[in-house]
């Protein structure tokens, strides 16, 4: 590639987003030391509106739209996202160019005093910004008081320790690990208790359609297993028409030679969880995602989703 090639990478301005972008940047430099890469950080609506729960401000592109606009208008060549933030329906001018190797995809409990989830006293207060986590946590511990907790990781950590009532937070393990905060994790939550968000733990690189150079560049970043698994999960989410603020979880992986997808749809209060799994063809991950979505809907997930959306519409 030409030595005068310059690539502009855009990302969110949070510390975690910058660390994830640094991972992508270093990988690109290892592959192409002759290319100059520049990183620009921008603020998104999801970063700026912190006084409302995510479900109250909409869920389509909260953390991605500003980055996609930069791509669309030629102000950037690639955008680095947490894949779980990226809507399943992208603008027609955009595509996912890469899904990088997946970090630990589980949720993690960060306790103020080291107490594990199962051992929290009755009525203890736990913070999360996710309806998916709220639903599954209340299914596991219906006696807990689950409250909305917004902000970047530094902000949430500060709020936890400034609060007299808060016992702990539930966060994505991948973000904590990428921040170097492993020692702050009280426990990783087993997927039998809490299925992760679709794409959780994976970094995605978004590019414009019709750019062979960027197609080639980003393809070199892709981890084949992460691509297969997350495309399976995203197919399920797409069929369920669920954004990040609908209680839907999914976990695809190879296990002892079988390609397995587990999925769940939960009510907002955790009293109803529809959960199931299927084995499918690893060569057709989207087919497996669609098949499990249909099964979840048939088992009562359609009624739960209708109730969740009605509650959202009422505000």
Protein backbone atom coordinates (compact mmCIF):
# COMPACT_ATOMS: atom_id res chain seq x y z
CA UNK A 1 0.00 0.00 0.00
CA UNK A 2 1.14 3.53 -0.73
CA UNK A 3 3.31 5.14 1.91
CA UNK A 4 1.29 8.38 1.70
CA UNK A 5 -1.99 6.65 2.57
CA UNK A 6 -3.77 8.29 5.51
CA UNK A 7 -6.77 6.81 7.31
CA UNK A 8 -9.01 8.71 9.72
CA UNK A 9 -10.58 6.65 12.52
CA UNK A 10 -13.50 8.06 14.48
CA UNK A 11 -14.71 6.95 17.89
CA UNK A 12 -16.67 8.07 20.93
CA UNK A 13 -14.89 10.30 23.41
CA UNK A 14 -15.19 8.06 26.49
CA UNK A 15 -12.11 6.48 28.03
CA UNK A 16 -13.38 3.00 27.17
CA UNK A 17 -14.09 3.92 23.54
CA UNK A 18 -10.59 5.36 23.22
CA UNK A 19 -9.03 2.22 24.69
CA UNK A 20 -11.00 0.04 22.28
CA UNK A 21 -9.95 2.23 19.38
CA UNK A 22 -6.34 2.01 20.51
CA UNK A 23 -6.61 -1.80 20.27
CA UNK A 24 -7.82 -1.51 16.67
CA UNK A 25 -5.20 1.13 15.90
CA UNK A 26 -2.34 -1.01 17.19
CA UNK A 27 -3.55 -4.00 15.20
CA UNK A 28 -3.71 -1.90 12.05
CA UNK A 29 -0.22 -0.51 12.65
CA UNK A 30 1.16 -4.02 13.10
CA UNK A 31 -0.35 -5.00 9.76
CA UNK A 32 0.41 -1.78 7.90
CA UNK A 33 3.22 0.29 9.43
CA UNK A 34 3.39 2.31 6.20
CA UNK A 35 -0.09 3.79 6.68
CA UNK A 36 -0.72 6.90 8.75
CA UNK A 37 -3.73 6.54 11.04
CA UNK A 38 -5.35 9.50 12.79
CA UNK A 39 -7.96 9.15 15.57
CA UNK A 40 -10.73 11.67 16.20
CA UNK A 41 -13.17 11.40 19.11
CA UNK A 42 -16.71 12.79 19.10
CA UNK A 43 -19.53 12.99 21.62
CA UNK A 44 -22.79 11.16 20.89
CA UNK A 45 -26.35 11.70 22.08
CA UNK A 46 -26.02 8.72 24.39
CA UNK A 47 -22.97 10.34 26.00
CA UNK A 48 -24.61 13.74 26.39
CA UNK A 49 -28.09 12.93 27.71
CA UNK A 50 -27.39 11.41 31.12
CA UNK A 51 -30.43 12.56 33.10
CA UNK A 52 -32.83 10.09 31.45
CA UNK A 53 -32.87 6.29 31.22
CA UNK A 54 -31.81 5.03 27.80
CA UNK A 55 -35.30 3.66 27.20
CA UNK A 56 -36.73 7.18 27.55
CA UNK A 57 -34.56 8.82 24.88
CA UNK A 58 -34.85 6.23 22.11
CA UNK A 59 -32.49 3.46 21.19
CA UNK A 60 -31.62 3.74 17.50
CA UNK A 61 -28.04 4.85 17.12
CA UNK A 62 -27.73 6.69 20.43
CA UNK A 63 -24.03 5.92 20.58
CA UNK A 64 -23.38 5.53 16.84
CA UNK A 65 -25.26 8.12 14.77
CA UNK A 66 -22.69 10.90 15.16
CA UNK A 67 -19.94 8.52 14.04
CA UNK A 68 -21.96 7.34 11.05
CA UNK A 69 -22.59 10.92 9.98
CA UNK A 70 -18.84 11.51 9.93
CA UNK A 71 -18.45 8.44 7.71
CA UNK A 72 -21.30 9.51 5.45
CA UNK A 73 -19.88 12.97 4.84
CA UNK A 74 -16.33 11.76 4.32
CA UNK A 75 -15.00 13.16 7.59
CA UNK A 76 -13.79 9.68 8.63
CA UNK A 77 -12.82 6.43 6.93
CA UNK A 78 -13.79 3.99 9.66
CA UNK A 79 -15.71 4.09 12.94
CA UNK A 80 -14.93 1.92 15.95
CA UNK A 81 -17.92 0.79 18.03
CA UNK A 82 -18.87 -1.57 20.79
CA UNK A 83 -20.83 -3.97 18.60
CA UNK A 84 -23.66 -4.18 21.15
CA UNK A 85 -24.32 -0.45 20.54
CA UNK A 86 -24.62 -0.84 16.77
CA UNK A 87 -28.22 -1.17 15.49
CA UNK A 88 -28.98 -4.27 13.45
CA UNK A 89 -30.27 -2.07 10.62
CA UNK A 90 -27.43 0.14 9.40
CA UNK A 91 -27.80 3.10 7.04
CA UNK A 92 -27.77 1.81 3.47
CA UNK A 93 -24.45 3.54 2.84
CA UNK A 94 -22.72 1.67 5.69
CA UNK A 95 -21.55 -1.84 6.51
CA UNK A 96 -19.69 -3.71 9.22
CA UNK A 97 -16.17 -4.15 7.90
CA UNK A 98 -14.77 -6.09 10.84
CA UNK A 99 -15.63 -7.78 14.10
CA UNK A 100 -12.52 -8.14 16.24
CA UNK A 101 -11.69 -10.98 18.61
CA UNK A 102 -14.23 -11.09 21.40
CA UNK A 103 -13.35 -10.25 24.99
CA UNK A 104 -15.16 -11.89 27.92
CA UNK A 105 -18.82 -11.51 26.93
CA UNK A 106 -20.39 -11.99 30.36
CA UNK A 107 -21.86 -9.35 32.62
CA UNK A 108 -19.98 -8.58 35.81
CA UNK A 109 -21.08 -7.54 39.28
CA UNK A 110 -19.07 -4.78 40.92
CA UNK A 111 -19.86 -4.70 44.63
CA UNK A 112 -18.97 -1.87 46.96
CA UNK A 113 -17.85 -4.23 49.73
CA UNK A 114 -17.12 -7.49 47.89
CA UNK A 115 -20.49 -9.14 48.56
CA UNK A 116 -21.64 -11.40 45.72
CA UNK A 117 -25.05 -11.07 44.06
CA UNK A 118 -26.49 -14.17 45.70
CA UNK A 119 -25.38 -12.93 49.13
CA UNK A 120 -26.75 -9.37 48.97
CA UNK A 121 -29.24 -8.60 51.74
CA UNK A 122 -32.92 -8.45 50.87
CA UNK A 123 -33.84 -5.10 49.36
CA UNK A 124 -30.27 -4.16 48.45
CA UNK A 125 -29.94 -1.56 45.67
CA UNK A 126 -28.14 -2.47 42.44
CA UNK A 127 -27.57 -0.09 39.52
CA UNK A 128 -27.67 -0.79 35.78
CA UNK A 129 -28.53 1.11 32.61
CA UNK A 130 -29.85 -2.00 30.83
CA UNK A 131 -33.41 -3.33 30.77
CA UNK A 132 -31.97 -6.74 29.82
CA UNK A 133 -29.87 -6.84 32.98
CA UNK A 134 -32.74 -5.51 35.08
CA UNK A 135 -35.10 -8.21 33.82
CA UNK A 136 -32.72 -11.10 34.39
CA UNK A 137 -31.48 -9.77 37.73
CA UNK A 138 -35.04 -9.49 39.04
CA UNK A 139 -35.77 -13.00 37.80
CA UNK A 140 -32.76 -14.19 39.84
CA UNK A 141 -33.29 -11.92 42.87
CA UNK A 142 -36.82 -10.44 42.82
CA UNK A 143 -36.22 -8.94 46.26
CA UNK A 144 -33.56 -6.51 45.04
CA UNK A 145 -34.12 -2.82 44.30
CA UNK A 146 -32.81 -2.24 40.76
CA UNK A 147 -32.23 1.40 39.78
CA UNK A 148 -31.12 3.13 36.59
CA UNK A 149 -27.45 4.10 36.53
CA UNK A 150 -26.17 6.05 33.51
CA UNK A 151 -22.78 7.46 32.57
CA UNK A 152 -19.40 6.21 31.46
CA UNK A 153 -17.50 3.70 33.57
CA UNK A 154 -15.62 6.36 35.53
CA UNK A 155 -18.87 8.17 36.31
CA UNK A 156 -20.67 5.03 37.42
CA UNK A 157 -17.76 3.97 39.60
CA UNK A 158 -17.80 7.38 41.27
CA UNK A 159 -21.60 7.30 41.76
CA UNK A 160 -21.37 3.86 43.34
CA UNK A 161 -18.92 5.01 45.99
CA UNK A 162 -20.66 8.34 46.61
CA UNK A 163 -23.99 6.61 47.26
CA UNK A 164 -24.98 5.49 50.75
CA UNK A 165 -27.67 3.17 49.36
CA UNK A 166 -26.00 1.55 46.35
CA UNK A 167 -24.63 -1.96 46.97
CA UNK A 168 -23.18 -2.52 43.52
CA UNK A 169 -23.40 -2.23 39.75
CA UNK A 170 -23.85 -4.66 36.87
CA UNK A 171 -21.61 -3.83 33.92
CA UNK A 172 -20.20 -5.52 30.84
CA UNK A 173 -17.13 -7.48 31.87
CA UNK A 174 -15.36 -6.61 28.62
CA UNK A 175 -15.40 -2.90 29.36
CA UNK A 176 -14.00 -3.39 32.83
CA UNK A 177 -11.24 -5.65 31.53
CA UNK A 178 -10.30 -3.26 28.72
CA UNK A 179 -10.10 -0.44 31.26
CA UNK A 180 -7.70 -2.53 33.33
CA UNK A 181 -10.21 -2.79 36.18
CA UNK A 182 -10.23 -6.55 36.66
CA UNK A 183 -9.53 -6.17 40.38
CA UNK A 184 -12.76 -4.19 40.76
CA UNK A 185 -14.88 -7.12 39.53
CA UNK A 186 -16.56 -8.97 42.39
CA UNK A 187 -17.80 -11.78 40.14
CA UNK A 188 -18.52 -12.68 36.55
CA UNK A 189 -22.22 -13.51 36.26
CA UNK A 190 -22.83 -16.96 34.81
CA UNK A 191 -24.73 -16.98 31.53
CA UNK A 192 -27.19 -19.43 33.11
CA UNK A 193 -28.32 -16.47 35.20
CA UNK A 194 -27.80 -13.61 32.76
CA UNK A 195 -27.44 -13.92 29.00
CA UNK A 196 -25.35 -11.08 27.57
CA UNK A 197 -26.44 -8.43 25.11
CA UNK A 198 -26.20 -9.24 21.43
CA UNK A 199 -22.60 -8.64 20.37
CA UNK A 200 -21.41 -7.92 23.91
CA UNK A 201 -17.63 -8.08 24.26
CA UNK A 202 -16.95 -7.50 20.55
CA UNK A 203 -15.48 -4.44 18.87
CA UNK A 204 -16.88 -3.61 15.43
CA UNK A 205 -15.41 -1.46 12.68
CA UNK A 206 -17.96 0.28 10.46
CA UNK A 207 -17.08 1.54 6.99
CA UNK A 208 -18.78 2.93 3.90
CA UNK A 209 -20.19 0.65 1.24
CA UNK A 210 -18.34 0.44 -2.06
CA UNK A 211 -14.78 1.04 -0.85
CA UNK A 212 -12.57 -1.93 -1.85
CA UNK A 213 -9.52 -0.50 -0.10
CA UNK A 214 -11.33 -0.25 3.25
CA UNK A 215 -12.94 -3.65 2.66
CA UNK A 216 -9.49 -5.21 2.42
CA UNK A 217 -8.06 -3.24 5.33
CA UNK A 218 -10.85 -4.09 7.76
CA UNK A 219 -11.17 -7.72 6.67
CA UNK A 220 -7.70 -8.27 8.11
CA UNK A 221 -9.01 -7.26 11.55
CA UNK A 222 -11.86 -9.77 11.62
CA UNK A 223 -11.88 -12.78 13.91
CA UNK A 224 -13.82 -15.52 12.12
CA UNK A 225 -15.33 -16.98 15.31
CA UNK A 226 -16.44 -13.59 16.59
CA UNK A 227 -17.96 -12.74 13.20
CA UNK A 228 -19.91 -16.01 13.04
CA UNK A 229 -21.19 -15.79 16.60
CA UNK A 230 -22.18 -12.13 16.56
CA UNK A 231 -23.85 -12.31 13.15
CA UNK A 232 -25.95 -15.16 14.55
CA UNK A 233 -26.92 -13.09 17.58
CA UNK A 234 -27.66 -10.01 15.47
CA UNK A 235 -29.93 -12.04 13.19
CA UNK A 236 -31.98 -13.04 16.23
CA UNK A 237 -32.17 -9.43 17.41
CA UNK A 238 -33.09 -8.17 13.95
CA UNK A 239 -35.95 -10.66 13.66
CA UNK A 240 -37.23 -9.64 17.09
CA UNK A 241 -36.93 -5.97 16.10
CA UNK A 242 -35.29 -5.25 19.40
CA UNK A 243 -32.97 -2.35 20.12
CA UNK A 244 -30.61 -2.06 23.05
CA UNK A 245 -33.52 -1.05 25.30
CA UNK A 246 -35.59 -4.20 24.93
CA UNK A 247 -34.87 -7.07 27.38
CA UNK A 248 -33.30 -9.45 24.87
CA UNK A 249 -30.14 -11.50 25.42
CA UNK A 250 -28.24 -13.94 23.22
CA UNK A 251 -25.12 -16.07 23.32
CA UNK A 252 -23.79 -17.97 20.29
CA UNK A 253 -20.71 -20.21 20.39
CA UNK A 254 -19.14 -23.47 19.32
CA UNK A 255 -19.34 -26.02 22.13
CA UNK A 256 -17.84 -29.49 21.73
CA UNK A 257 -18.34 -29.36 17.97
CA UNK A 258 -21.89 -27.99 18.10
CA UNK A 259 -22.86 -24.47 17.05
CA UNK A 260 -25.23 -23.32 19.79
CA UNK A 261 -27.35 -20.21 20.19
CA UNK A 262 -29.17 -19.36 23.40
CA UNK A 263 -31.61 -16.48 23.58
CA UNK A 264 -34.04 -14.83 25.97
CA UNK A 265 -36.85 -12.29 26.03
CA UNK A 266 -37.80 -10.91 29.43
CA UNK A 267 -40.50 -8.75 30.97
CA UNK A 268 -39.43 -5.46 32.51
CA UNK A 269 -40.07 -6.74 36.04
CA UNK A 270 -38.40 -10.11 35.49
CA UNK A 271 -41.53 -12.10 36.32
CA UNK A 272 -41.58 -13.71 32.87
CA UNK A 273 -38.52 -14.95 31.02
CA UNK A 274 -38.80 -16.85 27.74
CA UNK A 275 -35.49 -18.60 27.16
CA UNK A 276 -34.43 -21.37 24.79
CA UNK A 277 -31.56 -22.62 22.67
CA UNK A 278 -30.94 -24.31 19.33
CA UNK A 279 -28.10 -26.09 17.58
CA UNK A 280 -27.51 -25.08 13.97
CA UNK A 281 -25.15 -24.97 11.03
CA UNK A 282 -22.08 -22.78 11.69
CA UNK A 283 -22.02 -22.05 7.96
CA UNK A 284 -25.44 -20.39 8.29
CA UNK A 285 -25.32 -18.36 11.51
CA UNK A 286 -28.11 -16.01 10.46
CA UNK A 287 -30.39 -18.96 9.77
CA UNK A 288 -29.88 -20.18 13.33
CA UNK A 289 -30.56 -16.71 14.70
CA UNK A 290 -33.80 -16.41 12.76
CA UNK A 291 -34.92 -19.91 13.80
CA UNK A 292 -34.40 -19.26 17.51
CA UNK A 293 -36.13 -15.90 17.25
CA UNK A 294 -39.22 -17.60 15.84
CA UNK A 295 -39.15 -20.18 18.63
CA UNK A 296 -38.91 -17.50 21.31
CA UNK A 297 -41.82 -15.60 19.77
CA UNK A 298 -43.91 -18.76 19.59
CA UNK A 299 -43.22 -19.53 23.26
CA UNK A 300 -44.70 -16.22 24.41
CA UNK A 301 -41.94 -13.77 23.60
CA UNK A 302 -44.25 -11.91 21.22
CA UNK A 303 -46.61 -11.04 24.08
CA UNK A 304 -43.75 -9.87 26.29
CA UNK A 305 -42.30 -7.66 23.54
CA UNK A 306 -45.72 -6.12 22.88
CA UNK A 307 -46.05 -5.24 26.56
CA UNK A 308 -42.53 -3.79 26.73
CA UNK A 309 -43.14 -1.59 23.69
CA UNK A 310 -46.51 -0.47 25.03
CA UNK A 311 -44.85 0.55 28.28
CA UNK A 312 -42.17 2.46 26.36
CA UNK A 313 -44.82 4.26 24.29
CA UNK A 314 -46.59 5.39 27.45
CA UNK A 315 -43.29 6.88 28.62
